[in-house]
Amino acid sequence: MTRRHHGFALLGAVVALIVALSAALYLVVAPDDGASAATGSPGGGGHGASAAPVSAGTWIGSWAAAPVGGEPGTGTDGLAGRSVRNVVHTSASGTSARVTLSNLYGQSALTLTHASVALAAGHDTAAAAPGTMRRLTFGGAVSVVIPAGGQAVSDAVALRVPRAADVLVTTYSPTASGPVTYHPRARQISYVAAGDRTEDAGAAAYTGQTPYWRYVTALDVLSDDSAGTVVAFGDSLTDGITSTTGANRRWTDVFAGRLRGGGLRYGVVNEGISGNQVLADGVGRPAVNESGVGRFGRDVLSRPDVKVVVVDLGVNDILRNPALADPDAVVAGLRTLVRAAHGHGIRVVGATLMPFQGHAGWTPARERVREEINERIRSGRVYDAVTDFDKALRDPYAPDRLRPYYDSGDHLHPNDAGFAKMAESIDLPGLGSGGSAAL
């Protein structure tokens, strides 16, 4: 063989090695806080594994929920020996799916030996639609170890996910690991079974129910016709704390329907946390209910193909401050979010703060702070565009109160009609290109 032929043979061997290494490194993992990463455990795909081949399209967010804290009562054993079947509701369709699982608030490594995704057979059920059960893998392995503080993103699986559909995301851990990272105000019933029932298509084993989402923080889909992802970033008003459980009537759900009806193909993901503030963290390390400024990178900038973020934060900075909140500080915090979004080419639509007279925390001084913040928001010096939730839901005869028709009864949170009104008040053309705020 000539020296030239030897060279071609060597080059071919190098290329083959690179391809093999690339396949082995397909595991997509990242820490929630930039400090740790997950590793896949050995194991084959086995029956039911269906990693999706590379195909055309763009990954967008179809559903998401922010991790809030460690679930009370799970600090020692976590949910060892139980299958957790989360029910999540999609906002966008796609031909493949991938799931993000979080151990942000765990104090030890979380070992998941099996995980799956499937379309739900109907409303309010743990049963999977026939033929839709898919085993999740992580770098080709059926199990994954997620370090404390970390998260793992599954391999893509071939699954045609419709819009406005319930999807089942199921995990099983055989070993003690806690606390369980969870989102407590899901407004959705999910399910629990004893033993490894990850790939059970039926619902018989899922006799336990829970109002929480556990471990799962995102469902992304591969779409060939999407305009990108819209992130809703806020507090309990975005979380939908007073919406009807299981009915998907948060303002974000109604807004996703408006977009579909208007032919705008965005995925809408809800990163609301009840009680969230712009500036202040909760207790603990990592902080429970981390501040908006602190979690913006994780819950907005890390989502796929984000084009727009709708921000509705600030009421809790007013209500939960033992002294009088400083409107300058709150607005400065909001502008910090806007600058971070602009650094990633993301447009920011901001909401005015809705009235809350009649709530136990209302005082005339706090009302003046709310009005001052709203005046600055309306001036165009905070956000790229403004949605006036205050104007849309306030009582025209008593503008420091919610209109009774929209009031859930606590004089702070809307009812289903109020959430629908919030969604209807967002200007759809405002989501597109336009000028940036003069910060």
Protein backbone atom coordinates (compact mmCIF):
# COMPACT_ATOMS: atom_id res chain seq x y z
CA MET A 1 0.00 0.00 0.00
CA THR A 2 1.31 3.47 -0.85
CA ARG A 3 2.02 6.16 1.76
CA ARG A 4 -0.94 8.13 0.34
CA HIS A 5 -3.27 5.15 0.84
CA HIS A 6 -1.94 4.72 4.38
CA GLY A 7 -2.86 8.42 4.97
CA PHE A 8 -6.42 7.93 3.74
CA ALA A 9 -6.84 4.85 5.93
CA LEU A 10 -5.60 6.74 8.98
CA LEU A 11 -7.94 9.67 8.24
CA GLY A 12 -10.88 7.31 7.91
CA ALA A 13 -10.07 5.71 11.27
CA VAL A 14 -9.91 9.14 12.95
CA VAL A 15 -13.28 10.16 11.49
CA ALA A 16 -14.85 6.90 12.67
CA LEU A 17 -13.48 7.47 16.18
CA ILE A 18 -14.89 11.01 16.28
CA VAL A 19 -18.34 9.78 15.21
CA ALA A 20 -18.30 7.09 17.90
CA LEU A 21 -17.28 9.55 20.60
CA SER A 22 -19.96 12.01 19.50
CA ALA A 23 -22.63 9.33 19.85
CA ALA A 24 -21.37 8.39 23.30
CA LEU A 25 -21.51 12.00 24.44
CA TYR A 26 -25.09 12.63 23.34
CA LEU A 27 -26.22 12.87 26.97
CA VAL A 28 -27.51 16.41 27.46
CA VAL A 29 -27.20 17.44 31.10
CA ALA A 30 -26.77 20.74 32.86
CA PRO A 31 -26.94 21.98 36.42
CA ASP A 32 -29.80 24.18 37.53
CA ASP A 33 -27.34 26.60 39.09
CA GLY A 34 -24.23 26.11 36.98
CA ALA A 35 -22.43 24.05 39.61
CA SER A 36 -23.02 20.36 38.84
CA ALA A 37 -24.00 17.91 36.12
CA ALA A 38 -25.69 14.53 35.81
CA THR A 39 -24.18 11.35 34.47
CA GLY A 40 -25.89 8.51 32.64
CA SER A 41 -25.70 5.03 34.15
CA PRO A 42 -24.79 2.03 32.01
CA GLY A 43 -27.67 0.21 30.39
CA GLY A 44 -29.27 -0.40 27.05
CA GLY A 45 -32.45 1.01 25.60
CA GLY A 46 -34.33 -2.28 25.86
CA HIS A 47 -37.96 -2.81 24.95
CA GLY A 48 -39.83 0.44 24.43
CA ALA A 49 -36.79 2.66 23.94
CA SER A 50 -37.27 5.06 21.04
CA ALA A 51 -34.60 7.72 20.78
CA ALA A 52 -35.52 9.98 17.89
CA PRO A 53 -33.23 10.29 14.89
CA VAL A 54 -31.89 13.69 13.91
CA SER A 55 -34.59 15.51 11.96
CA ALA A 56 -35.41 18.97 10.71
CA GLY A 57 -37.08 21.45 13.01
CA THR A 58 -36.52 23.71 15.98
CA TRP A 59 -36.75 22.84 19.66
CA ILE A 60 -39.27 25.01 21.50
CA GLY A 61 -40.88 24.93 24.92
CA SER A 62 -44.33 23.33 25.03
CA TRP A 63 -44.66 23.24 28.84
CA ALA A 64 -42.52 24.21 31.83
CA ALA A 65 -42.73 24.80 35.58
CA ALA A 66 -40.13 26.44 37.78
CA PRO A 67 -38.62 24.38 40.60
CA VAL A 68 -39.70 26.03 43.86
CA GLY A 69 -38.21 24.08 46.76
CA GLY A 70 -37.89 20.72 48.49
CA GLU A 71 -41.18 18.96 49.15
CA PRO A 72 -41.97 18.79 52.89
CA GLY A 73 -41.78 15.30 54.34
CA THR A 74 -39.41 13.96 51.67
CA GLY A 75 -36.12 15.03 53.21
CA THR A 76 -34.86 11.54 54.04
CA ASP A 77 -36.23 8.97 51.60
CA GLY A 78 -37.62 11.13 48.84
CA LEU A 79 -40.02 8.95 46.84
CA ALA A 80 -37.94 5.78 46.83
CA GLY A 81 -39.77 2.75 45.49
CA ARG A 82 -42.57 4.75 43.90
CA SER A 83 -43.43 5.78 40.36
CA VAL A 84 -44.36 9.44 39.93
CA ARG A 85 -46.63 10.17 36.95
CA ASN A 86 -46.81 13.92 36.30
CA VAL A 87 -49.60 15.30 34.11
CA VAL A 88 -48.52 18.34 32.07
CA HIS A 89 -50.46 20.31 29.43
CA THR A 90 -48.87 21.27 26.12
CA SER A 91 -49.01 24.62 24.36
CA ALA A 92 -47.27 23.62 21.11
CA SER A 93 -47.09 20.55 18.89
CA GLY A 94 -44.07 18.67 17.61
CA THR A 95 -42.83 15.44 16.13
CA SER A 96 -40.37 14.59 18.93
CA ALA A 97 -40.14 15.32 22.63
CA ARG A 98 -37.54 15.66 25.36
CA VAL A 99 -37.95 16.13 29.11
CA THR A 100 -35.98 18.03 31.76
CA LEU A 101 -35.78 16.53 35.24
CA SER A 102 -34.45 18.48 38.23
CA ASN A 103 -32.77 17.61 41.51
CA LEU A 104 -32.11 21.26 42.36
CA TYR A 105 -33.26 20.94 45.98
CA GLY A 106 -32.01 17.41 46.57
CA GLN A 107 -29.29 16.93 49.19
CA SER A 108 -27.95 13.76 47.58
CA ALA A 109 -27.75 12.26 44.11
CA LEU A 110 -31.08 11.20 42.58
CA THR A 111 -30.95 7.83 40.80
CA LEU A 112 -33.72 7.28 38.27
CA THR A 113 -33.64 3.77 36.82
CA HIS A 114 -36.58 4.29 34.46
CA ALA A 115 -38.50 7.22 32.99
CA SER A 116 -41.15 7.49 30.30
CA VAL A 117 -43.33 9.91 28.38
CA ALA A 118 -46.75 9.28 26.81
CA LEU A 119 -49.88 11.05 25.71
CA ALA A 120 -52.69 10.81 28.25
CA ALA A 121 -55.68 8.70 27.21
CA GLY A 122 -58.04 11.47 28.30
CA HIS A 123 -58.68 14.16 30.87
CA ASP A 124 -57.95 13.49 34.56
CA THR A 125 -56.42 10.06 34.06
CA ALA A 126 -53.10 8.32 34.60
CA ALA A 127 -53.74 6.05 31.61
CA ALA A 128 -51.70 6.47 28.43
CA ALA A 129 -53.19 6.66 24.96
CA PRO A 130 -52.62 3.41 23.08
CA GLY A 131 -49.33 3.21 21.24
CA THR A 132 -47.85 6.40 22.71
CA MET A 133 -45.74 5.08 25.61
CA ARG A 134 -42.04 5.91 25.07
CA ARG A 135 -39.13 4.98 27.30
CA LEU A 136 -36.85 7.91 28.01
CA THR A 137 -33.09 7.49 27.76
CA PHE A 138 -30.17 9.64 28.81
CA GLY A 139 -27.17 9.35 26.51
CA GLY A 140 -28.63 6.05 25.37
CA ALA A 141 -28.92 4.70 28.92
CA VAL A 142 -32.24 3.91 30.55
CA SER A 143 -31.04 5.18 33.94
CA VAL A 144 -29.53 8.46 35.02
CA VAL A 145 -27.91 9.80 38.18
CA ILE A 146 -28.65 13.49 38.79
CA PRO A 147 -26.35 15.11 41.37
CA ALA A 148 -27.73 17.29 44.12
CA GLY A 149 -28.35 20.70 42.59
CA GLY A 150 -28.34 19.35 39.03
CA GLN A 151 -30.73 18.54 36.24
CA ALA A 152 -30.83 16.13 33.30
CA VAL A 153 -32.32 16.49 29.82
CA SER A 154 -33.46 13.27 28.17
CA ASP A 155 -32.61 12.13 24.69
CA ALA A 156 -35.21 13.02 22.10
CA VAL A 157 -37.94 10.44 21.49
CA ALA A 158 -40.11 10.13 18.41
CA LEU A 159 -43.60 11.08 19.61
CA ARG A 160 -46.13 13.24 17.81
CA VAL A 161 -47.26 15.67 20.52
CA PRO A 162 -50.43 17.69 19.80
CA ARG A 163 -51.17 21.18 21.05
CA ALA A 164 -53.43 21.51 24.10
CA ALA A 165 -52.87 17.88 25.09
CA ASP A 166 -52.15 16.23 28.43
CA VAL A 167 -48.82 14.41 28.53
CA LEU A 168 -47.69 11.90 31.16
CA VAL A 169 -44.08 12.12 32.39
CA THR A 170 -43.22 9.24 34.71
CA THR A 171 -40.10 8.58 36.79
CA TYR A 172 -39.01 5.78 39.12
CA SER A 173 -36.27 5.87 41.75
CA PRO A 174 -35.43 2.73 43.73
CA THR A 175 -33.21 4.43 46.31
CA ALA A 176 -33.60 7.07 48.99
CA SER A 177 -32.97 10.61 47.77
CA GLY A 178 -34.49 13.78 49.15
CA PRO A 179 -35.87 16.31 49.43
CA VAL A 180 -37.91 15.97 46.23
CA THR A 181 -37.64 19.03 43.97
CA TYR A 182 -41.21 20.12 43.31
CA HIS A 183 -43.64 22.81 42.12
CA PRO A 184 -46.39 22.99 44.77
CA ARG A 185 -49.09 25.09 43.07
CA ALA A 186 -49.61 22.93 40.00
CA ARG A 187 -53.42 23.30 39.82
CA GLN A 188 -53.25 19.86 38.24
CA ILE A 189 -53.68 16.39 39.74
CA SER A 190 -50.82 13.97 39.10
CA TYR A 191 -50.41 10.36 40.22
CA VAL A 192 -48.23 7.97 42.24
CA ALA A 193 -47.88 4.17 42.17
CA ALA A 194 -45.99 1.71 44.34
CA GLY A 195 -43.10 -0.03 42.59
CA ASP A 196 -41.73 0.48 39.10
CA ARG A 197 -44.82 1.16 36.98
CA THR A 198 -43.04 3.56 34.67
CA GLU A 199 -44.17 1.90 31.46
CA ASP A 200 -47.64 0.81 32.59
CA ALA A 201 -50.07 2.16 30.01
CA GLY A 202 -52.99 1.57 32.33
CA ALA A 203 -54.00 3.60 35.37
CA ALA A 204 -54.85 0.78 37.80
CA ALA A 205 -51.58 0.95 39.76
CA TYR A 206 -51.72 4.74 40.12
CA THR A 207 -53.89 4.87 43.21
CA GLY A 208 -52.11 7.85 44.79
CA GLN A 209 -52.85 11.44 43.79
CA THR A 210 -50.85 14.64 44.32
CA PRO A 211 -51.42 18.36 43.63
CA TYR A 212 -47.68 18.80 42.91
CA TRP A 213 -45.37 18.46 39.94
CA ARG A 214 -42.29 16.51 41.02
CA TYR A 215 -38.87 16.43 39.35
CA VAL A 216 -40.13 17.43 35.88
CA THR A 217 -39.51 21.07 34.92
CA ALA A 218 -39.85 21.15 31.12
CA LEU A 219 -41.27 19.40 28.08
CA ASP A 220 -39.79 20.57 24.79
CA VAL A 221 -40.96 19.55 21.32
CA LEU A 222 -39.29 19.53 17.93
CA SER A 223 -41.38 21.73 15.64
CA ASP A 224 -40.99 22.51 11.96
CA ASP A 225 -43.48 25.40 11.93
CA SER A 226 -42.91 27.31 15.18
CA ALA A 227 -42.10 30.98 15.67
CA GLY A 228 -40.36 30.20 18.96
CA THR A 229 -41.08 30.17 22.70
CA VAL A 230 -42.90 32.77 24.82
CA VAL A 231 -42.02 32.61 28.53
CA ALA A 232 -44.48 33.90 31.13
CA PHE A 233 -42.43 35.00 34.14
CA GLY A 234 -44.20 36.01 37.31
CA ASP A 235 -45.73 35.21 40.68
CA SER A 236 -49.00 33.57 41.77
CA LEU A 237 -50.94 35.60 39.21
CA THR A 238 -48.98 33.77 36.51
CA ASP A 239 -48.83 30.50 38.44
CA GLY A 240 -52.65 30.56 38.34
CA ILE A 241 -53.09 29.85 42.04
CA THR A 242 -56.86 30.49 42.04
CA SER A 243 -57.71 28.98 38.66
CA THR A 244 -59.84 25.83 38.51
CA THR A 245 -57.75 22.72 39.19
CA GLY A 246 -57.36 20.51 36.15
CA ALA A 247 -59.11 22.93 33.79
CA ASN A 248 -56.03 24.73 32.38
CA ARG A 249 -57.52 28.19 32.88
CA ARG A 250 -54.42 30.09 33.95
CA TRP A 251 -53.93 33.21 31.86
CA THR A 252 -51.02 31.48 30.14
CA ASP A 253 -53.28 28.63 28.97
CA VAL A 254 -55.87 31.05 27.58
CA PHE A 255 -53.10 33.08 25.95
CA ALA A 256 -51.68 29.98 24.25
CA GLY A 257 -55.14 29.36 22.83
CA ARG A 258 -55.33 32.95 21.55
CA LEU A 259 -52.02 32.51 19.78
CA ARG A 260 -53.17 29.29 18.13
CA GLY A 261 -56.44 30.92 17.09
CA GLY A 262 -54.53 33.84 15.61
CA GLY A 263 -52.23 31.59 13.59
CA LEU A 264 -49.19 32.51 15.72
CA ARG A 265 -47.20 29.34 16.33
CA TYR A 266 -45.46 30.06 19.62
CA GLY A 267 -45.01 27.66 22.48
CA VAL A 268 -46.01 29.27 25.80
CA VAL A 269 -44.33 28.11 29.01
CA ASN A 270 -45.36 29.18 32.50
CA GLU A 271 -42.50 30.08 34.85
CA GLY A 272 -44.68 31.58 37.56
CA ILE A 273 -43.95 30.93 41.23
CA SER A 274 -46.52 31.82 43.88
CA GLY A 275 -45.09 34.38 46.29
CA ASN A 276 -42.21 35.27 44.00
CA GLN A 277 -40.54 38.67 44.33
CA VAL A 278 -38.34 40.65 41.99
CA LEU A 279 -35.63 41.21 44.58
CA ALA A 280 -35.91 38.96 47.64
CA ASP A 281 -35.10 35.25 47.92
CA GLY A 282 -36.79 32.78 50.20
CA VAL A 283 -34.79 30.97 52.87
CA GLY A 284 -32.25 28.21 52.32
CA ARG A 285 -29.36 27.46 50.02
CA PRO A 286 -30.25 27.06 47.22
CA ALA A 287 -32.98 29.55 48.04
CA VAL A 288 -36.54 28.34 48.16
CA ASN A 289 -38.63 30.57 45.88
CA GLU A 290 -35.57 32.29 44.47
CA SER A 291 -35.99 35.94 43.47
CA GLY A 292 -36.92 36.88 39.92
CA VAL A 293 -33.52 38.47 39.41
CA GLY A 294 -31.80 35.33 40.66
CA ARG A 295 -33.77 32.75 38.67
CA PHE A 296 -34.21 34.61 35.39
CA GLY A 297 -31.26 32.90 33.74
CA ARG A 298 -32.47 29.43 34.70
CA ASP A 299 -36.18 29.88 34.01
CA VAL A 300 -36.10 32.18 30.97
CA LEU A 301 -32.74 32.40 29.26
CA SER A 302 -32.14 28.64 29.33
CA ARG A 303 -35.45 27.79 27.67
CA PRO A 304 -35.19 26.87 23.96
CA ASP A 305 -35.61 29.45 21.20
CA VAL A 306 -37.14 32.15 23.43
CA LYS A 307 -38.39 35.14 21.43
CA VAL A 308 -40.51 36.96 24.02
CA VAL A 309 -40.85 37.03 27.80
CA VAL A 310 -43.94 38.46 29.48
CA VAL A 311 -43.03 39.72 32.97
CA ASP A 312 -45.64 40.22 35.71
CA LEU A 313 -43.75 40.74 38.97
CA GLY A 314 -43.67 43.30 41.76
CA VAL A 315 -46.83 42.87 43.84
CA ASN A 316 -45.11 40.60 46.37
CA ASP A 317 -42.24 43.06 46.75
CA ILE A 318 -44.91 45.48 47.94
CA LEU A 319 -46.95 43.07 50.05
CA ARG A 320 -44.18 41.07 51.71
CA ASN A 321 -41.82 43.89 52.57
CA PRO A 322 -42.09 44.55 56.33
CA ALA A 323 -41.17 48.15 55.62
CA LEU A 324 -42.47 50.16 52.68
CA ALA A 325 -41.13 48.88 49.38
CA ASP A 326 -38.87 51.24 47.46
CA PRO A 327 -40.31 51.73 43.94
CA ASP A 328 -36.86 52.74 42.67
CA ALA A 329 -35.41 49.39 43.79
CA VAL A 330 -38.27 47.36 42.33
CA VAL A 331 -38.08 49.13 38.98
CA ALA A 332 -34.30 48.76 38.95
CA GLY A 333 -34.77 45.02 39.46
CA LEU A 334 -37.24 44.85 36.58
CA ARG A 335 -34.80 46.70 34.35
CA THR A 336 -32.14 44.15 35.29
CA LEU A 337 -34.39 41.43 33.86
CA VAL A 338 -34.90 43.45 30.67
CA ARG A 339 -31.18 44.00 30.16
CA ALA A 340 -30.53 40.28 30.63
CA ALA A 341 -33.21 39.45 28.06
CA HIS A 342 -31.85 41.98 25.57
CA GLY A 343 -28.43 40.38 25.93
CA HIS A 344 -30.00 37.23 24.44
CA GLY A 345 -32.06 38.99 21.78
CA ILE A 346 -35.34 38.50 23.67
CA ARG A 347 -38.16 41.04 23.56
CA VAL A 348 -39.78 41.90 26.93
CA VAL A 349 -43.47 42.64 27.40
CA GLY A 350 -44.19 43.90 30.92
CA ALA A 351 -47.43 44.00 32.88
CA THR A 352 -48.73 46.71 35.16
CA LEU A 353 -49.45 45.63 38.75
CA MET A 354 -53.10 44.91 39.44
CA PRO A 355 -54.98 46.49 42.38
CA PHE A 356 -55.51 44.70 45.70
CA GLN A 357 -57.54 46.93 48.02
CA GLY A 358 -59.59 44.68 50.28
CA HIS A 359 -56.71 42.23 50.70
CA ALA A 360 -55.31 41.96 54.22
CA GLY A 361 -51.97 43.44 53.16
CA TRP A 362 -53.37 46.58 51.52
CA THR A 363 -52.53 50.00 52.96
CA PRO A 364 -52.75 53.48 51.43
CA ALA A 365 -48.95 53.71 51.47
CA ARG A 366 -48.57 50.42 49.61
CA GLU A 367 -51.16 51.59 47.11
CA ARG A 368 -49.04 54.66 46.38
CA VAL A 369 -46.02 52.42 45.72
CA ARG A 370 -48.06 50.29 43.30
CA GLU A 371 -49.27 53.37 41.44
CA GLU A 372 -45.73 54.77 41.23
CA ILE A 373 -44.39 51.54 39.75
CA ASN A 374 -47.26 51.41 37.25
CA GLU A 375 -46.64 55.00 36.19
CA ARG A 376 -43.05 54.12 35.33
CA ILE A 377 -44.07 50.95 33.51
CA ARG A 378 -46.59 52.86 31.39
CA SER A 379 -43.97 55.51 30.57
CA GLY A 380 -42.11 53.03 28.34
CA ARG A 381 -38.92 53.32 30.39
CA VAL A 382 -39.00 49.79 31.80
CA TYR A 383 -40.23 47.31 29.16
CA ASP A 384 -40.20 47.08 25.37
CA ALA A 385 -44.00 46.87 25.35
CA VAL A 386 -46.66 47.06 28.05
CA THR A 387 -49.76 44.98 28.76
CA ASP A 388 -52.02 46.87 31.15
CA PHE A 389 -53.40 44.17 33.45
CA ASP A 390 -54.28 46.89 35.97
CA LYS A 391 -56.54 48.74 33.54
CA ALA A 392 -58.07 45.51 32.22
CA LEU A 393 -59.16 44.11 35.60
CA ARG A 394 -59.67 47.08 37.94
CA ASP A 395 -63.10 48.23 39.02
CA PRO A 396 -63.88 51.37 36.99
CA TYR A 397 -65.76 52.78 39.99
CA ALA A 398 -63.02 51.94 42.52
CA PRO A 399 -59.74 51.65 40.58
CA ASP A 400 -57.70 50.49 43.55
CA ARG A 401 -59.82 47.31 43.66
CA LEU A 402 -60.33 44.39 41.31
CA ARG A 403 -63.63 44.44 39.47
CA PRO A 404 -65.88 42.01 41.43
CA TYR A 405 -66.62 39.96 38.29
CA TYR A 406 -62.89 39.10 38.05
CA ASP A 407 -62.15 38.72 41.79
CA SER A 408 -61.57 35.21 43.20
CA GLY A 409 -62.74 36.54 46.56
CA ASP A 410 -59.41 37.36 48.19
CA HIS A 411 -59.21 40.75 46.41
CA LEU A 412 -55.73 39.93 45.08
CA HIS A 413 -56.03 36.96 42.73
CA PRO A 414 -58.40 36.73 39.76
CA ASN A 415 -60.89 33.93 39.15
CA ASP A 416 -61.08 32.05 35.84
CA ALA A 417 -62.84 34.99 34.17
CA GLY A 418 -60.13 37.32 35.41
CA PHE A 419 -57.35 35.12 34.09
CA ALA A 420 -59.09 35.01 30.72
CA LYS A 421 -59.32 38.81 30.73
CA MET A 422 -55.58 39.05 31.44
CA ALA A 423 -54.85 36.84 28.42
CA GLU A 424 -57.21 38.83 26.21
CA SER A 425 -55.57 42.13 27.16
CA ILE A 426 -52.16 41.21 25.71
CA ASP A 427 -51.60 42.86 22.35
CA LEU A 428 -50.55 40.12 19.93
CA PRO A 429 -48.76 42.49 17.52
CA GLY A 430 -46.74 43.67 20.55
CA LEU A 431 -45.05 40.28 20.64
CA GLY A 432 -43.31 41.02 17.36
CA SER A 433 -40.39 43.27 16.57
CA GLY A 434 -40.44 46.82 17.81
CA GLY A 435 -38.45 49.37 19.68
CA SER A 436 -36.56 48.60 22.85
CA ALA A 437 -37.11 50.33 26.17
CA ALA A 438 -34.81 53.26 26.92
CA LEU A 439 -33.42 51.92 30.19
